Amino acid sequence: MVEKSIELTGISANSVEDAVQIAVARAGVTISGIHSVHIEDIAAMVENSKVMRWKVKIKATFQIKDELHE
């Protein structure tokens, strides 16, 4: 089996969990089989001394299919 990992960034005004879900859901539109994510970094975007958005950097891992393309 061969797996590939890609780095993604998700941003949400709601929560860290929502930012991760947004990144995974968007990647899932073009990449099938994402089976794990590793959170690399979490940051908060602040405006007027208030947290406005959460930003997460993740690595998403999926299996490379064994199909050959002609």
Protein backbone atom coordinates (compact mmCIF):
# COMPACT_ATOMS: atom_id res chain seq x y z
CA MET A 1 0.00 0.00 0.00
CA VAL A 2 1.14 3.54 -0.75
CA GLU A 3 -0.27 6.62 0.94
CA LYS A 4 0.05 10.29 0.13
CA SER A 5 -0.20 13.24 2.52
CA ILE A 6 -1.06 16.78 1.54
CA GLU A 7 -1.00 19.97 3.56
CA LEU A 8 -4.25 21.93 3.85
CA THR A 9 -5.36 25.05 5.68
CA GLY A 10 -8.90 25.51 7.00
CA ILE A 11 -10.38 28.70 8.41
CA SER A 12 -13.56 29.05 10.48
CA ALA A 13 -15.19 31.72 12.58
CA ASN A 14 -16.81 29.01 14.73
CA SER A 15 -14.16 26.63 16.08
CA VAL A 16 -10.95 24.71 15.49
CA GLU A 17 -12.99 21.57 14.83
CA ASP A 18 -15.03 23.39 12.20
CA ALA A 19 -11.87 24.65 10.50
CA VAL A 20 -10.57 21.07 10.27
CA GLN A 21 -13.91 19.84 8.92
CA ILE A 22 -14.00 22.60 6.29
CA ALA A 23 -10.52 21.66 5.03
CA VAL A 24 -11.33 17.93 4.91
CA ALA A 25 -14.72 18.45 3.25
CA ARG A 26 -13.29 20.72 0.56
CA ALA A 27 -10.41 18.33 -0.18
CA GLY A 28 -12.91 15.46 -0.32
CA VAL A 29 -14.52 17.04 -3.39
CA THR A 30 -11.51 16.04 -5.51
CA ILE A 31 -9.68 13.50 -3.32
CA SER A 32 -11.35 10.27 -2.27
CA GLY A 33 -10.39 8.10 0.66
CA ILE A 34 -8.96 10.59 3.14
CA HIS A 35 -8.62 8.40 6.21
CA SER A 36 -6.64 10.50 8.67
CA VAL A 37 -5.57 14.04 9.42
CA HIS A 38 -2.80 15.35 11.61
CA ILE A 39 -3.15 18.86 13.01
CA GLU A 40 0.15 20.63 12.37
CA ASP A 41 -0.67 24.12 13.66
CA ILE A 42 -3.54 26.11 15.21
CA ALA A 43 -3.71 29.89 15.08
CA ALA A 44 -6.30 32.48 16.04
CA MET A 45 -6.89 35.57 13.94
CA VAL A 46 -7.57 38.53 16.22
CA GLU A 47 -9.33 41.83 15.53
CA ASN A 48 -9.95 44.49 18.18
CA SER A 49 -8.68 42.17 20.94
CA LYS A 50 -11.21 39.48 20.01
CA VAL A 51 -10.68 36.10 18.32
CA MET A 52 -12.50 36.37 15.01
CA ARG A 53 -11.38 33.23 13.16
CA TRP A 54 -9.54 29.98 13.78
CA LYS A 55 -6.93 28.82 11.27
CA VAL A 56 -5.61 25.25 11.23
CA LYS A 57 -2.87 23.66 9.17
CA ILE A 58 -3.40 19.93 8.72
CA LYS A 59 -1.86 17.01 6.85
CA ALA A 60 -4.50 14.83 5.25
CA THR A 61 -3.53 11.28 4.29
CA PHE A 62 -5.16 9.06 1.69
CA GLN A 63 -4.33 5.81 -0.06
CA ILE A 64 -2.97 5.85 -3.60
CA LYS A 65 -5.00 3.47 -5.74
CA ASP A 66 -3.25 0.67 -7.59
CA GLU A 67 -5.01 1.42 -10.90
CA LEU A 68 -2.84 2.14 -13.92
CA HIS A 69 -3.81 4.91 -16.31
CA GLU A 70 -3.21 4.64 -20.04
